[in-house]
Amino acid sequence: MWNERESPLRIEKRFEFDQYSKISKFMGEIEKLCKDRDIYPNISFGKNFVSLSIFLDNKEISEKEKEFSMDIDKFFSEY
């Protein structure tokens, strides 16, 4: 589940991994999706996690951003 945050308005999610090598593959999928959808979240990662923040242009999440976040969740479910 993505968390909504204010100031600035954004949605965030942390994805946890049991192996560092899976993070690289997951980041590759995110990179492709970003280029395809023209959405570029802030990304941070560490030894066993990736955190994403998608900053919203409007006062609510758009369909484009909803689909993007659902696709990321789908990629993560494969790990």
C-alpha atoms as a PDB file:
ATOM      1  CA  MET A   1       0.000   0.000   0.000  1.00  0.00           C
ATOM      2  CA  TRP A   2       1.276   3.413  -0.958  1.00  0.00           C
ATOM      3  CA  ASN A   3       1.173   6.101   1.734  1.00  0.00           C
ATOM      4  CA  GLU A   4      -0.052   9.610   0.996  1.00  0.00           C
ATOM      5  CA  ARG A   5       1.982  12.446   2.471  1.00  0.00           C
ATOM      6  CA  GLU A   6       1.580  16.205   2.505  1.00  0.00           C
ATOM      7  CA  SER A   7       3.956  19.134   2.294  1.00  0.00           C
ATOM      8  CA  PRO A   8       4.894  18.454  -0.428  1.00  0.00           C
ATOM      9  CA  LEU A   9       2.060  16.273  -1.678  1.00  0.00           C
ATOM     10  CA  ARG A  10       3.326  12.811  -2.641  1.00  0.00           C
ATOM     11  CA  ILE A  11       2.816   9.071  -2.369  1.00  0.00           C
ATOM     12  CA  GLU A  12       5.526   6.846  -0.929  1.00  0.00           C
ATOM     13  CA  LYS A  13       6.319   3.195  -0.527  1.00  0.00           C
ATOM     14  CA  ARG A  14       9.206   1.133   0.812  1.00  0.00           C
ATOM     15  CA  PHE A  15      10.006  -2.225  -0.787  1.00  0.00           C
ATOM     16  CA  GLU A  16      12.094  -4.709   1.201  1.00  0.00           C
ATOM     17  CA  PHE A  17      14.304  -7.431  -0.285  1.00  0.00           C
ATOM     18  CA  ASP A  18      16.041 -10.478   1.120  1.00  0.00           C
ATOM     19  CA  GLN A  19      18.981 -10.176  -1.310  1.00  0.00           C
ATOM     20  CA  TYR A  20      20.826  -7.103  -2.532  1.00  0.00           C
ATOM     21  CA  SER A  21      21.071  -8.587  -6.042  1.00  0.00           C
ATOM     22  CA  LYS A  22      17.274  -8.380  -6.402  1.00  0.00           C
ATOM     23  CA  ILE A  23      17.401  -4.631  -5.860  1.00  0.00           C
ATOM     24  CA  SER A  24      19.410  -4.116  -9.055  1.00  0.00           C
ATOM     25  CA  LYS A  25      16.890  -6.067 -11.133  1.00  0.00           C
ATOM     26  CA  PHE A  26      13.961  -4.231  -9.531  1.00  0.00           C
ATOM     27  CA  MET A  27      15.618  -0.866 -10.226  1.00  0.00           C
ATOM     28  CA  GLY A  28      16.055  -1.859 -13.868  1.00  0.00           C
ATOM     29  CA  GLU A  29      12.325  -2.506 -14.167  1.00  0.00           C
ATOM     30  CA  ILE A  30      11.573   0.845 -12.536  1.00  0.00           C
ATOM     31  CA  GLU A  31      13.927   2.587 -14.983  1.00  0.00           C
ATOM     32  CA  LYS A  32      12.088   1.137 -17.990  1.00  0.00           C
ATOM     33  CA  LEU A  33       8.709   2.052 -16.536  1.00  0.00           C
ATOM     34  CA  CYS A  34       9.844   5.625 -15.807  1.00  0.00           C
ATOM     35  CA  LYS A  35      10.924   6.120 -19.402  1.00  0.00           C
ATOM     36  CA  ASP A  36       7.697   4.589 -20.762  1.00  0.00           C
ATOM     37  CA  ARG A  37       5.375   6.611 -18.495  1.00  0.00           C
ATOM     38  CA  ASP A  38       7.417   9.816 -18.170  1.00  0.00           C
ATOM     39  CA  ILE A  39       7.171   9.683 -14.372  1.00  0.00           C
ATOM     40  CA  TYR A  40      10.389   9.976 -12.398  1.00  0.00           C
ATOM     41  CA  PRO A  41      10.025   9.298  -8.658  1.00  0.00           C
ATOM     42  CA  ASN A  42      12.625  10.083  -6.052  1.00  0.00           C
ATOM     43  CA  ILE A  43      14.416   6.830  -5.274  1.00  0.00           C
ATOM     44  CA  SER A  44      16.569   5.844  -2.339  1.00  0.00           C
ATOM     45  CA  PHE A  45      17.922   2.405  -1.552  1.00  0.00           C
ATOM     46  CA  GLY A  46      20.075   0.521   0.864  1.00  0.00           C
ATOM     47  CA  LYS A  47      21.269  -2.978   1.552  1.00  0.00           C
ATOM     48  CA  ASN A  48      17.771  -4.486   1.669  1.00  0.00           C
ATOM     49  CA  PHE A  49      15.258  -1.843   0.557  1.00  0.00           C
ATOM     50  CA  VAL A  50      14.139   0.592  -2.131  1.00  0.00           C
ATOM     51  CA  SER A  51      12.018   3.617  -1.221  1.00  0.00           C
ATOM     52  CA  LEU A  52      10.056   5.556  -3.822  1.00  0.00           C
ATOM     53  CA  SER A  53       8.347   8.937  -3.571  1.00  0.00           C
ATOM     54  CA  ILE A  54       6.118  10.187  -6.377  1.00  0.00           C
ATOM     55  CA  PHE A  55       5.438  13.901  -6.083  1.00  0.00           C
ATOM     56  CA  LEU A  56       1.947  14.851  -7.247  1.00  0.00           C
ATOM     57  CA  ASP A  57       1.223  17.808  -9.507  1.00  0.00           C
ATOM     58  CA  ASN A  58      -2.438  17.977  -8.536  1.00  0.00           C
ATOM     59  CA  LYS A  59      -4.265  17.772  -5.220  1.00  0.00           C
ATOM     60  CA  GLU A  60      -4.965  14.103  -5.788  1.00  0.00           C
ATOM     61  CA  ILE A  61      -3.292  11.155  -7.451  1.00  0.00           C
ATOM     62  CA  SER A  62      -3.940  10.970 -11.201  1.00  0.00           C
ATOM     63  CA  GLU A  63      -4.802   7.830 -13.162  1.00  0.00           C
ATOM     64  CA  LYS A  64      -1.338   7.939 -14.705  1.00  0.00           C
ATOM     65  CA  GLU A  65       0.262   7.905 -11.246  1.00  0.00           C
ATOM     66  CA  LYS A  66      -2.114   5.190  -9.995  1.00  0.00           C
ATOM     67  CA  GLU A  67      -1.246   2.930 -12.915  1.00  0.00           C
ATOM     68  CA  PHE A  68       2.454   3.625 -12.442  1.00  0.00           C
ATOM     69  CA  SER A  69       2.346   2.684  -8.746  1.00  0.00           C
ATOM     70  CA  MET A  70       0.294  -0.462  -9.470  1.00  0.00           C
ATOM     71  CA  ASP A  71       2.823  -1.547 -12.100  1.00  0.00           C
ATOM     72  CA  ILE A  72       5.662  -1.098  -9.624  1.00  0.00           C
ATOM     73  CA  ASP A  73       3.741  -3.226  -7.113  1.00  0.00           C
ATOM     74  CA  LYS A  74       3.315  -5.862  -9.816  1.00  0.00           C
ATOM     75  CA  PHE A  75       7.074  -5.925 -10.526  1.00  0.00           C
ATOM     76  CA  PHE A  76       7.772  -6.241  -6.814  1.00  0.00           C
ATOM     77  CA  SER A  77       5.411  -9.210  -6.457  1.00  0.00           C
ATOM     78  CA  GLU A  78       7.711 -11.121  -8.843  1.00  0.00           C
ATOM     79  CA  TYR A  79      10.585 -10.845  -6.353  1.00  0.00           C
END
